[in-house]
Amino acid sequence: MKNREEKLSYLRKKDFISIFITTVVSAFIFLFINEYFVGTTEAIIFSYIGVIGGIITVIVSYFESKSNDPFVTGKTLTFGVINSFIGAGVVILLTSFRFGLIPSLIVIDIIIIMSRELGRKSREKMLDKFINKTGTIIKNNGNGKYVMDLNSKRVTVYSKDNLAIGGMVKVSELKGTCIYVEVFA
């Protein structure tokens, strides 16, 4: 259990560093270009785009955290190379024109942190539900993809090994939303 706690602590530290960097960069960009857009209709349009982008960023942040996707380079990225921290920086920049820099920074950073924590809690539930559970392979879909009977529920799983139909397997890891199994000995 200590391993999970250490990993969670590491991920939180990485989140705070990423949020700090994107916050500082977006604040500097805002301060640099603010004088060009003050009181214009573009600023109002930017703020509405920022609010919509904020909603999308929160959703992406939740799913990234739930899938345990690392920063930008994740191989299991659900949405491709979309990163919630980059999105947060853009949203901070766009909403700052209407709502001000400091309120935008505070609100967006808090919402992103909350979204990522909810995603992690959801991932913990997934881990508890699947890790080390055993079942039987009932169908081979080819290319390492199988259907497993897990407590009378059909679940799509993946394996690097060739598995026999009717063979007992154990869930060994979750990569994103993909469940990987190995032969149960």
N, C-alpha and C. Protein backbone atom coordinates (compact mmCIF):
# COMPACT_ATOMS: atom_id res chain seq x y z
N MET A 1 0.82 -1.20 0.00
CA MET A 1 0.00 0.00 0.00
C MET A 1 0.86 1.26 0.00
N LYS A 2 2.05 1.17 0.61
CA LYS A 2 2.93 2.32 0.64
C LYS A 2 3.36 2.74 -0.76
N ASN A 3 3.48 1.77 -1.65
CA ASN A 3 3.87 2.06 -3.02
C ASN A 3 2.83 2.96 -3.69
N ARG A 4 1.55 2.67 -3.51
CA ARG A 4 0.47 3.50 -4.08
C ARG A 4 0.52 4.90 -3.50
N GLU A 5 0.75 5.00 -2.20
CA GLU A 5 0.79 6.31 -1.55
C GLU A 5 1.98 7.14 -2.04
N GLU A 6 3.12 6.49 -2.23
CA GLU A 6 4.29 7.20 -2.74
C GLU A 6 4.04 7.68 -4.17
N LYS A 7 3.42 6.84 -4.98
CA LYS A 7 3.13 7.20 -6.36
C LYS A 7 2.13 8.36 -6.41
N LEU A 8 1.12 8.31 -5.54
CA LEU A 8 0.13 9.37 -5.48
C LEU A 8 0.78 10.68 -5.06
N SER A 9 1.68 10.62 -4.09
CA SER A 9 2.40 11.82 -3.65
C SER A 9 3.25 12.39 -4.78
N TYR A 10 3.91 11.50 -5.52
CA TYR A 10 4.72 11.94 -6.66
C TYR A 10 3.84 12.60 -7.72
N LEU A 11 2.69 12.01 -8.02
CA LEU A 11 1.80 12.58 -9.04
C LEU A 11 1.27 13.94 -8.61
N ARG A 12 0.95 14.08 -7.33
CA ARG A 12 0.48 15.37 -6.84
C ARG A 12 1.55 16.44 -6.96
N LYS A 13 2.79 16.10 -6.60
CA LYS A 13 3.89 17.06 -6.74
C LYS A 13 4.06 17.48 -8.19
N LYS A 14 3.98 16.49 -9.09
CA LYS A 14 4.12 16.78 -10.51
C LYS A 14 2.97 17.67 -11.00
N ASP A 15 1.76 17.42 -10.49
CA ASP A 15 0.61 18.27 -10.85
C ASP A 15 0.85 19.71 -10.41
N PHE A 16 1.30 19.90 -9.18
CA PHE A 16 1.51 21.25 -8.69
C PHE A 16 2.61 21.98 -9.45
N ILE A 17 3.66 21.28 -9.80
CA ILE A 17 4.73 21.90 -10.58
C ILE A 17 4.21 22.28 -11.97
N SER A 18 3.45 21.38 -12.60
CA SER A 18 2.89 21.66 -13.92
C SER A 18 1.92 22.82 -13.87
N ILE A 19 1.06 22.85 -12.86
CA ILE A 19 0.10 23.95 -12.72
C ILE A 19 0.84 25.26 -12.48
N PHE A 20 1.86 25.23 -11.65
CA PHE A 20 2.64 26.45 -11.38
C PHE A 20 3.27 26.99 -12.65
N ILE A 21 3.89 26.11 -13.43
CA ILE A 21 4.55 26.55 -14.66
C ILE A 21 3.54 27.14 -15.65
N THR A 22 2.42 26.43 -15.86
CA THR A 22 1.44 26.95 -16.82
C THR A 22 0.79 28.23 -16.32
N THR A 23 0.62 28.34 -15.01
CA THR A 23 0.05 29.56 -14.44
C THR A 23 0.98 30.75 -14.66
N VAL A 24 2.24 30.56 -14.38
CA VAL A 24 3.21 31.65 -14.54
C VAL A 24 3.33 32.05 -16.01
N VAL A 25 3.43 31.08 -16.89
CA VAL A 25 3.55 31.38 -18.32
C VAL A 25 2.31 32.10 -18.84
N SER A 26 1.13 31.60 -18.50
CA SER A 26 -0.09 32.25 -18.99
C SER A 26 -0.26 33.64 -18.39
N ALA A 27 0.17 33.85 -17.15
CA ALA A 27 0.10 35.18 -16.54
C ALA A 27 1.02 36.16 -17.27
N PHE A 28 2.24 35.72 -17.59
CA PHE A 28 3.16 36.61 -18.32
C PHE A 28 2.63 36.94 -19.71
N ILE A 29 2.08 35.95 -20.39
CA ILE A 29 1.52 36.21 -21.72
C ILE A 29 0.36 37.19 -21.61
N PHE A 30 -0.51 36.98 -20.62
CA PHE A 30 -1.64 37.90 -20.43
C PHE A 30 -1.15 39.32 -20.17
N LEU A 31 -0.19 39.46 -19.27
CA LEU A 31 0.31 40.80 -18.96
C LEU A 31 0.95 41.46 -20.18
N PHE A 32 1.55 40.68 -21.04
CA PHE A 32 2.19 41.21 -22.24
C PHE A 32 1.16 41.67 -23.28
N ILE A 33 0.09 40.90 -23.49
CA ILE A 33 -0.86 41.24 -24.55
C ILE A 33 -2.12 41.93 -24.04
N ASN A 34 -2.24 42.12 -22.74
CA ASN A 34 -3.45 42.70 -22.17
C ASN A 34 -3.77 44.08 -22.73
N GLU A 35 -2.78 44.92 -22.89
CA GLU A 35 -3.02 46.28 -23.34
C GLU A 35 -3.60 46.35 -24.75
N TYR A 36 -3.42 45.32 -25.54
CA TYR A 36 -3.93 45.32 -26.91
C TYR A 36 -5.41 44.97 -26.99
N PHE A 37 -5.93 44.30 -25.94
CA PHE A 37 -7.30 43.81 -26.00
C PHE A 37 -8.24 44.41 -24.95
N VAL A 38 -7.78 45.33 -24.14
CA VAL A 38 -8.61 45.88 -23.08
C VAL A 38 -9.81 46.60 -23.67
N GLY A 39 -11.00 46.22 -23.23
CA GLY A 39 -12.23 46.89 -23.64
C GLY A 39 -12.68 46.60 -25.06
N THR A 40 -12.11 45.63 -25.72
CA THR A 40 -12.53 45.33 -27.09
C THR A 40 -13.50 44.15 -27.09
N THR A 41 -14.18 44.01 -28.20
CA THR A 41 -15.11 42.88 -28.32
C THR A 41 -14.36 41.55 -28.40
N GLU A 42 -13.12 41.60 -28.85
CA GLU A 42 -12.32 40.37 -28.88
C GLU A 42 -12.13 39.81 -27.48
N ALA A 43 -11.96 40.70 -26.51
CA ALA A 43 -11.77 40.25 -25.12
C ALA A 43 -13.01 39.51 -24.62
N ILE A 44 -14.17 39.99 -24.98
CA ILE A 44 -15.41 39.32 -24.56
C ILE A 44 -15.54 37.97 -25.26
N ILE A 45 -15.22 37.93 -26.54
CA ILE A 45 -15.27 36.66 -27.27
C ILE A 45 -14.26 35.68 -26.68
N PHE A 46 -13.06 36.17 -26.37
CA PHE A 46 -12.04 35.31 -25.76
C PHE A 46 -12.53 34.72 -24.44
N SER A 47 -13.24 35.53 -23.66
CA SER A 47 -13.69 35.03 -22.35
C SER A 47 -14.72 33.92 -22.51
N TYR A 48 -15.63 34.05 -23.48
CA TYR A 48 -16.61 32.98 -23.70
C TYR A 48 -15.94 31.71 -24.24
N ILE A 49 -15.00 31.89 -25.13
CA ILE A 49 -14.23 30.73 -25.61
C ILE A 49 -13.47 30.09 -24.45
N GLY A 50 -12.95 30.93 -23.56
CA GLY A 50 -12.23 30.42 -22.39
C GLY A 50 -13.11 29.61 -21.45
N VAL A 51 -14.34 30.04 -21.25
CA VAL A 51 -15.26 29.30 -20.39
C VAL A 51 -15.57 27.93 -21.00
N ILE A 52 -15.84 27.90 -22.29
CA ILE A 52 -16.10 26.62 -22.96
C ILE A 52 -14.85 25.74 -22.91
N GLY A 53 -13.70 26.35 -23.16
CA GLY A 53 -12.44 25.60 -23.07
C GLY A 53 -12.18 25.10 -21.66
N GLY A 54 -12.60 25.87 -20.66
CA GLY A 54 -12.44 25.45 -19.27
C GLY A 54 -13.23 24.20 -18.96
N ILE A 55 -14.44 24.13 -19.46
CA ILE A 55 -15.28 22.94 -19.25
C ILE A 55 -14.62 21.72 -19.89
N ILE A 56 -14.15 21.90 -21.11
CA ILE A 56 -13.47 20.80 -21.81
C ILE A 56 -12.19 20.39 -21.07
N THR A 57 -11.44 21.37 -20.59
CA THR A 57 -10.20 21.09 -19.87
C THR A 57 -10.45 20.31 -18.58
N VAL A 58 -11.50 20.64 -17.87
CA VAL A 58 -11.82 19.93 -16.63
C VAL A 58 -12.18 18.47 -16.94
N ILE A 59 -12.95 18.25 -17.99
CA ILE A 59 -13.32 16.89 -18.38
C ILE A 59 -12.08 16.11 -18.80
N VAL A 60 -11.22 16.71 -19.62
CA VAL A 60 -9.99 16.05 -20.05
C VAL A 60 -9.09 15.76 -18.85
N SER A 61 -9.01 16.69 -17.94
CA SER A 61 -8.19 16.51 -16.74
C SER A 61 -8.67 15.32 -15.93
N TYR A 62 -9.97 15.17 -15.78
CA TYR A 62 -10.54 14.03 -15.05
C TYR A 62 -10.15 12.71 -15.72
N PHE A 63 -10.35 12.63 -17.02
CA PHE A 63 -10.05 11.38 -17.72
C PHE A 63 -8.55 11.09 -17.79
N GLU A 64 -7.73 12.12 -17.90
CA GLU A 64 -6.28 11.89 -17.85
C GLU A 64 -5.87 11.31 -16.51
N SER A 65 -6.41 11.87 -15.47
CA SER A 65 -6.06 11.41 -14.13
C SER A 65 -6.61 10.00 -13.88
N LYS A 66 -7.82 9.74 -14.35
CA LYS A 66 -8.42 8.42 -14.18
C LYS A 66 -7.63 7.36 -14.95
N SER A 67 -7.14 7.72 -16.12
CA SER A 67 -6.39 6.77 -16.94
C SER A 67 -4.92 6.72 -16.56
N ASN A 68 -4.52 7.55 -15.59
CA ASN A 68 -3.13 7.61 -15.13
C ASN A 68 -2.19 8.00 -16.26
N ASP A 69 -2.64 8.90 -17.12
CA ASP A 69 -1.83 9.34 -18.24
C ASP A 69 -0.77 10.31 -17.77
N PRO A 70 0.49 10.04 -18.10
CA PRO A 70 1.54 10.98 -17.73
C PRO A 70 1.50 12.22 -18.61
N PHE A 71 2.27 13.20 -18.24
CA PHE A 71 2.29 14.50 -18.91
C PHE A 71 2.72 14.35 -20.37
N VAL A 72 1.84 14.65 -21.29
CA VAL A 72 2.00 14.71 -22.74
C VAL A 72 2.51 13.43 -23.39
N THR A 73 3.46 12.73 -22.80
CA THR A 73 4.10 11.61 -23.47
C THR A 73 3.40 10.28 -23.22
N GLY A 74 2.22 10.29 -22.63
CA GLY A 74 1.55 9.05 -22.29
C GLY A 74 1.18 8.22 -23.50
N LYS A 75 1.41 6.93 -23.40
CA LYS A 75 1.10 6.04 -24.51
C LYS A 75 -0.35 5.58 -24.48
N THR A 76 -1.05 5.85 -23.38
CA THR A 76 -2.45 5.43 -23.27
C THR A 76 -3.38 6.63 -23.30
N LEU A 77 -2.91 7.74 -23.83
CA LEU A 77 -3.73 8.94 -23.82
C LEU A 77 -5.04 8.70 -24.54
N THR A 78 -6.12 8.90 -23.82
CA THR A 78 -7.46 8.66 -24.35
C THR A 78 -7.80 9.64 -25.48
N PHE A 79 -7.36 10.86 -25.33
CA PHE A 79 -7.72 11.91 -26.28
C PHE A 79 -6.55 12.32 -27.17
N GLY A 80 -5.58 11.47 -27.36
CA GLY A 80 -4.41 11.86 -28.12
C GLY A 80 -3.50 12.69 -27.24
N VAL A 81 -2.79 13.63 -27.81
CA VAL A 81 -1.89 14.44 -27.01
C VAL A 81 -2.58 15.74 -26.62
N ILE A 82 -3.61 15.59 -25.83
CA ILE A 82 -4.28 16.74 -25.22
C ILE A 82 -3.85 16.70 -23.76
N ASN A 83 -3.42 17.80 -23.23
CA ASN A 83 -3.00 17.80 -21.85
C ASN A 83 -3.75 18.87 -21.09
N SER A 84 -4.28 18.49 -19.96
CA SER A 84 -5.12 19.41 -19.19
C SER A 84 -4.34 20.62 -18.68
N PHE A 85 -3.03 20.48 -18.46
CA PHE A 85 -2.27 21.61 -17.96
C PHE A 85 -2.07 22.66 -19.04
N ILE A 86 -1.83 22.21 -20.25
CA ILE A 86 -1.71 23.16 -21.37
C ILE A 86 -3.06 23.83 -21.59
N GLY A 87 -4.12 23.05 -21.56
CA GLY A 87 -5.46 23.60 -21.69
C GLY A 87 -5.77 24.61 -20.60
N ALA A 88 -5.33 24.31 -19.38
CA ALA A 88 -5.57 25.23 -18.26
C ALA A 88 -4.87 26.56 -18.48
N GLY A 89 -3.65 26.52 -19.01
CA GLY A 89 -2.93 27.76 -19.30
C GLY A 89 -3.65 28.61 -20.33
N VAL A 90 -4.16 27.97 -21.36
CA VAL A 90 -4.90 28.70 -22.41
C VAL A 90 -6.19 29.27 -21.83
N VAL A 91 -6.88 28.49 -21.00
CA VAL A 91 -8.13 28.96 -20.40
C VAL A 91 -7.86 30.14 -19.46
N ILE A 92 -6.80 30.05 -18.68
CA ILE A 92 -6.45 31.18 -17.79
C ILE A 92 -6.22 32.44 -18.62
N LEU A 93 -5.48 32.28 -19.71
CA LEU A 93 -5.20 33.42 -20.57
C LEU A 93 -6.48 34.01 -21.14
N LEU A 94 -7.36 33.18 -21.66
CA LEU A 94 -8.57 33.68 -22.31
C LEU A 94 -9.58 34.27 -21.33
N THR A 95 -9.75 33.65 -20.18
CA THR A 95 -10.75 34.16 -19.22
C THR A 95 -10.25 35.39 -18.46
N SER A 96 -8.95 35.60 -18.45
CA SER A 96 -8.39 36.76 -17.73
C SER A 96 -8.85 38.08 -18.33
N PHE A 97 -9.16 38.13 -19.60
CA PHE A 97 -9.59 39.37 -20.22
C PHE A 97 -10.91 39.86 -19.63
N ARG A 98 -11.76 38.95 -19.23
CA ARG A 98 -13.08 39.33 -18.72
C ARG A 98 -13.15 39.32 -17.20
N PHE A 99 -12.57 38.30 -16.59
CA PHE A 99 -12.73 38.10 -15.15
C PHE A 99 -11.53 38.56 -14.33
N GLY A 100 -10.46 38.94 -14.97
CA GLY A 100 -9.25 39.36 -14.27
C GLY A 100 -8.27 38.21 -14.12
N LEU A 101 -7.02 38.56 -13.99
CA LEU A 101 -5.97 37.56 -13.94
C LEU A 101 -6.00 36.74 -12.65
N ILE A 102 -6.04 37.38 -11.51
CA ILE A 102 -5.98 36.67 -10.23
C ILE A 102 -7.18 35.75 -10.01
N PRO A 103 -8.43 36.22 -10.21
CA PRO A 103 -9.56 35.28 -10.05
C PRO A 103 -9.50 34.10 -11.02
N SER A 104 -9.08 34.36 -12.25
CA SER A 104 -8.97 33.26 -13.22
C SER A 104 -7.93 32.25 -12.78
N LEU A 105 -6.79 32.73 -12.30
CA LEU A 105 -5.73 31.83 -11.83
C LEU A 105 -6.23 30.96 -10.68
N ILE A 106 -6.84 31.59 -9.71
CA ILE A 106 -7.28 30.86 -8.52
C ILE A 106 -8.36 29.84 -8.85
N VAL A 107 -9.39 30.27 -9.53
CA VAL A 107 -10.53 29.38 -9.81
C VAL A 107 -10.11 28.22 -10.71
N ILE A 108 -9.41 28.48 -11.77
CA ILE A 108 -9.06 27.41 -12.71
C ILE A 108 -8.08 26.42 -12.08
N ASP A 109 -7.10 26.92 -11.35
CA ASP A 109 -6.16 26.01 -10.69
C ASP A 109 -6.86 25.11 -9.68
N ILE A 110 -7.76 25.67 -8.89
CA ILE A 110 -8.49 24.86 -7.90
C ILE A 110 -9.36 23.82 -8.60
N ILE A 111 -10.05 24.22 -9.66
CA ILE A 111 -10.93 23.27 -10.36
C ILE A 111 -10.12 22.15 -11.00
N ILE A 112 -8.98 22.46 -11.59
CA ILE A 112 -8.13 21.43 -12.21
C ILE A 112 -7.63 20.46 -11.15
N ILE A 113 -7.18 20.97 -10.01
CA ILE A 113 -6.70 20.09 -8.94
C ILE A 113 -7.83 19.18 -8.45
N MET A 114 -9.02 19.73 -8.25
CA MET A 114 -10.16 18.92 -7.81
C MET A 114 -10.51 17.86 -8.84
N SER A 115 -10.49 18.23 -10.11
CA SER A 115 -10.82 17.28 -11.17
C SER A 115 -9.82 16.13 -11.22
N ARG A 116 -8.55 16.45 -11.07
CA ARG A 116 -7.52 15.40 -11.10
C ARG A 116 -7.64 14.49 -9.87
N GLU A 117 -7.97 15.04 -8.73
CA GLU A 117 -8.15 14.21 -7.53
C GLU A 117 -9.36 13.29 -7.67
N LEU A 118 -10.44 13.80 -8.25
CA LEU A 118 -11.61 12.93 -8.50
C LEU A 118 -11.25 11.81 -9.46
N GLY A 119 -10.46 12.12 -10.48
CA GLY A 119 -10.01 11.09 -11.41
C GLY A 119 -9.16 10.03 -10.73
N ARG A 120 -8.31 10.46 -9.82
CA ARG A 120 -7.47 9.50 -9.09
C ARG A 120 -8.30 8.60 -8.18
N LYS A 121 -9.31 9.19 -7.54
CA LYS A 121 -10.20 8.38 -6.69
C LYS A 121 -10.93 7.35 -7.53
N SER A 122 -11.37 7.75 -8.71
CA SER A 122 -12.05 6.82 -9.61
C SER A 122 -11.10 5.71 -10.06
N ARG A 123 -9.84 6.06 -10.31
CA ARG A 123 -8.84 5.06 -10.70
C ARG A 123 -8.59 4.08 -9.56
N GLU A 124 -8.55 4.55 -8.33
CA GLU A 124 -8.37 3.66 -7.19
C GLU A 124 -9.50 2.65 -7.11
N LYS A 125 -10.71 3.09 -7.38
CA LYS A 125 -11.86 2.17 -7.38
C LYS A 125 -11.70 1.13 -8.48
N MET A 126 -11.23 1.57 -9.68
CA MET A 126 -10.99 0.63 -10.77
C MET A 126 -9.92 -0.38 -10.40
N LEU A 127 -8.85 0.08 -9.78
CA LEU A 127 -7.78 -0.83 -9.37
C LEU A 127 -8.29 -1.86 -8.37
N ASP A 128 -9.05 -1.41 -7.39
CA ASP A 128 -9.61 -2.33 -6.40
C ASP A 128 -10.58 -3.32 -7.03
N LYS A 129 -11.27 -2.88 -8.06
CA LYS A 129 -12.26 -3.74 -8.72
C LYS A 129 -11.61 -4.82 -9.58
N PHE A 130 -10.46 -4.52 -10.20
CA PHE A 130 -9.90 -5.46 -11.18
C PHE A 130 -8.57 -6.12 -10.79
N ILE A 131 -7.67 -5.42 -10.16
CA ILE A 131 -6.32 -5.96 -9.93
C ILE A 131 -6.38 -7.24 -9.10
N ASN A 132 -5.64 -8.24 -9.57
CA ASN A 132 -5.50 -9.56 -8.95
C ASN A 132 -6.79 -10.39 -8.96
N LYS A 133 -7.78 -9.99 -9.71
CA LYS A 133 -8.99 -10.80 -9.85
C LYS A 133 -8.74 -11.86 -10.92
N THR A 134 -9.34 -13.01 -10.75
CA THR A 134 -9.14 -14.10 -11.70
C THR A 134 -10.41 -14.36 -12.48
N GLY A 135 -10.23 -14.94 -13.65
CA GLY A 135 -11.35 -15.28 -14.50
C GLY A 135 -10.91 -16.24 -15.58
N THR A 136 -11.83 -16.54 -16.49
CA THR A 136 -11.59 -17.49 -17.57
C THR A 136 -11.68 -16.79 -18.91
N ILE A 137 -10.77 -17.13 -19.80
CA ILE A 137 -10.82 -16.60 -21.17
C ILE A 137 -11.91 -17.33 -21.92
N ILE A 138 -12.84 -16.59 -22.51
CA ILE A 138 -13.94 -17.23 -23.24
C ILE A 138 -13.91 -16.94 -24.74
N LYS A 139 -13.09 -15.97 -25.16
CA LYS A 139 -13.04 -15.67 -26.59
C LYS A 139 -11.72 -14.99 -26.93
N ASN A 140 -11.16 -15.34 -28.08
CA ASN A 140 -9.95 -14.72 -28.58
C ASN A 140 -10.34 -13.79 -29.73
N ASN A 141 -10.11 -12.50 -29.56
CA ASN A 141 -10.43 -11.54 -30.61
C ASN A 141 -9.24 -11.24 -31.52
N GLY A 142 -8.10 -11.88 -31.27
CA GLY A 142 -6.92 -11.68 -32.10
C GLY A 142 -6.10 -10.48 -31.65
N ASN A 143 -4.84 -10.46 -32.04
CA ASN A 143 -3.91 -9.38 -31.74
C ASN A 143 -3.78 -9.10 -30.24
N GLY A 144 -3.83 -10.14 -29.44
CA GLY A 144 -3.66 -9.99 -28.00
C GLY A 144 -4.87 -9.50 -27.26
N LYS A 145 -6.01 -9.46 -27.92
CA LYS A 145 -7.25 -8.98 -27.31
C LYS A 145 -8.15 -10.19 -27.05
N TYR A 146 -8.64 -10.28 -25.81
CA TYR A 146 -9.46 -11.42 -25.40
C TYR A 146 -10.70 -10.94 -24.67
N VAL A 147 -11.66 -11.86 -24.53
CA VAL A 147 -12.84 -11.60 -23.70
C VAL A 147 -12.73 -12.54 -22.51
N MET A 148 -12.86 -11.98 -21.32
CA MET A 148 -12.69 -12.73 -20.09
C MET A 148 -13.99 -12.74 -19.30
N ASP A 149 -14.31 -13.87 -18.70
CA ASP A 149 -15.46 -13.97 -17.82
C ASP A 149 -14.97 -13.65 -16.41
N LEU A 150 -15.39 -12.51 -15.90
CA LEU A 150 -14.97 -12.06 -14.59
C LEU A 150 -16.23 -11.90 -13.73
N ASN A 151 -16.46 -12.89 -12.86
CA ASN A 151 -17.65 -12.88 -12.00
C ASN A 151 -18.93 -12.77 -12.82
N SER A 152 -19.06 -13.61 -13.83
CA SER A 152 -20.23 -13.66 -14.73
C SER A 152 -20.41 -12.36 -15.52
N LYS A 153 -19.35 -11.64 -15.70
CA LYS A 153 -19.40 -10.40 -16.47
C LYS A 153 -18.32 -10.48 -17.54
N ARG A 154 -18.68 -10.19 -18.79
CA ARG A 154 -17.70 -10.24 -19.88
C ARG A 154 -16.92 -8.94 -19.94
N VAL A 155 -15.60 -9.08 -19.90
CA VAL A 155 -14.70 -7.93 -19.88
C VAL A 155 -13.66 -8.14 -20.98
N THR A 156 -13.40 -7.09 -21.76
CA THR A 156 -12.34 -7.14 -22.77
C THR A 156 -11.01 -6.90 -22.08
N VAL A 157 -10.07 -7.81 -22.33
CA VAL A 157 -8.75 -7.72 -21.72
C VAL A 157 -7.68 -7.89 -22.78
N TYR A 158 -6.44 -7.58 -22.41
CA TYR A 158 -5.31 -7.68 -23.31
C TYR A 158 -4.22 -8.49 -22.66
N SER A 159 -3.42 -9.16 -23.49
CA SER A 159 -2.30 -9.93 -22.98
C SER A 159 -1.18 -9.95 -24.00
N LYS A 160 0.05 -9.95 -23.50
CA LYS A 160 1.21 -10.06 -24.37
C LYS A 160 1.47 -11.52 -24.71
N ASP A 161 0.93 -12.41 -23.87
CA ASP A 161 1.09 -13.86 -24.08
C ASP A 161 -0.07 -14.40 -24.89
N ASN A 162 0.14 -15.55 -25.53
CA ASN A 162 -0.96 -16.25 -26.18
C ASN A 162 -1.72 -17.02 -25.12
N LEU A 163 -3.01 -16.78 -25.02
CA LEU A 163 -3.83 -17.42 -24.01
C LEU A 163 -4.78 -18.41 -24.67
N ALA A 164 -5.03 -19.50 -23.96
CA ALA A 164 -5.95 -20.53 -24.46
C ALA A 164 -7.36 -20.24 -23.97
N ILE A 165 -8.33 -20.53 -24.83
CA ILE A 165 -9.73 -20.38 -24.42
C ILE A 165 -10.00 -21.38 -23.31
N GLY A 166 -10.63 -20.92 -22.25
CA GLY A 166 -10.91 -21.76 -21.08
C GLY A 166 -9.81 -21.68 -20.04
N GLY A 167 -8.72 -21.00 -20.35
CA GLY A 167 -7.60 -20.88 -19.41
C GLY A 167 -7.88 -19.85 -18.33
N MET A 168 -7.36 -20.10 -17.14
CA MET A 168 -7.51 -19.17 -16.03
C MET A 168 -6.45 -18.06 -16.14
N VAL A 169 -6.89 -16.84 -15.95
CA VAL A 169 -5.99 -15.70 -16.00
C VAL A 169 -6.24 -14.79 -14.80
N LYS A 170 -5.25 -13.95 -14.53
CA LYS A 170 -5.33 -12.99 -13.43
C LYS A 170 -5.05 -11.60 -14.00
N VAL A 171 -5.81 -10.62 -13.56
CA VAL A 171 -5.58 -9.23 -13.99
C VAL A 171 -4.30 -8.76 -13.33
N SER A 172 -3.34 -8.34 -14.16
CA SER A 172 -2.04 -7.95 -13.62
C SER A 172 -1.84 -6.44 -13.57
N GLU A 173 -2.40 -5.70 -14.54
CA GLU A 173 -2.22 -4.25 -14.51
C GLU A 173 -3.27 -3.56 -15.36
N LEU A 174 -3.44 -2.27 -15.10
CA LEU A 174 -4.30 -1.41 -15.89
C LEU A 174 -3.43 -0.34 -16.52
N LYS A 175 -3.51 -0.24 -17.84
CA LYS A 175 -2.82 0.84 -18.55
C LYS A 175 -3.91 1.68 -19.19
N GLY A 176 -4.12 2.84 -18.61
CA GLY A 176 -5.24 3.66 -19.06
C GLY A 176 -6.52 2.94 -18.72
N THR A 177 -7.33 2.67 -19.73
CA THR A 177 -8.55 1.92 -19.51
C THR A 177 -8.41 0.48 -20.01
N CYS A 178 -7.22 0.09 -20.41
CA CYS A 178 -6.97 -1.26 -20.90
C CYS A 178 -6.58 -2.17 -19.74
N ILE A 179 -7.23 -3.33 -19.67
CA ILE A 179 -6.98 -4.29 -18.61
C ILE A 179 -6.05 -5.37 -19.16
N TYR A 180 -4.89 -5.55 -18.53
CA TYR A 180 -3.92 -6.55 -18.97
C TYR A 180 -3.95 -7.74 -18.01
N VAL A 181 -3.90 -8.94 -18.59
CA VAL A 181 -3.94 -10.17 -17.80
C VAL A 181 -2.71 -11.01 -18.06
N GLU A 182 -2.48 -11.95 -17.17
CA GLU A 182 -1.41 -12.93 -17.33
C GLU A 182 -1.96 -14.29 -16.89
N VAL A 183 -1.29 -15.34 -17.30
CA VAL A 183 -1.72 -16.69 -16.98
C VAL A 183 -1.67 -16.87 -15.47
N PHE A 184 -2.76 -17.41 -14.93
CA PHE A 184 -2.85 -17.67 -13.49
C PHE A 184 -2.24 -19.01 -13.18
N ALA A 185 -1.24 -19.02 -12.31
CA ALA A 185 -0.56 -20.27 -12.00
C ALA A 185 -0.96 -20.81 -10.66
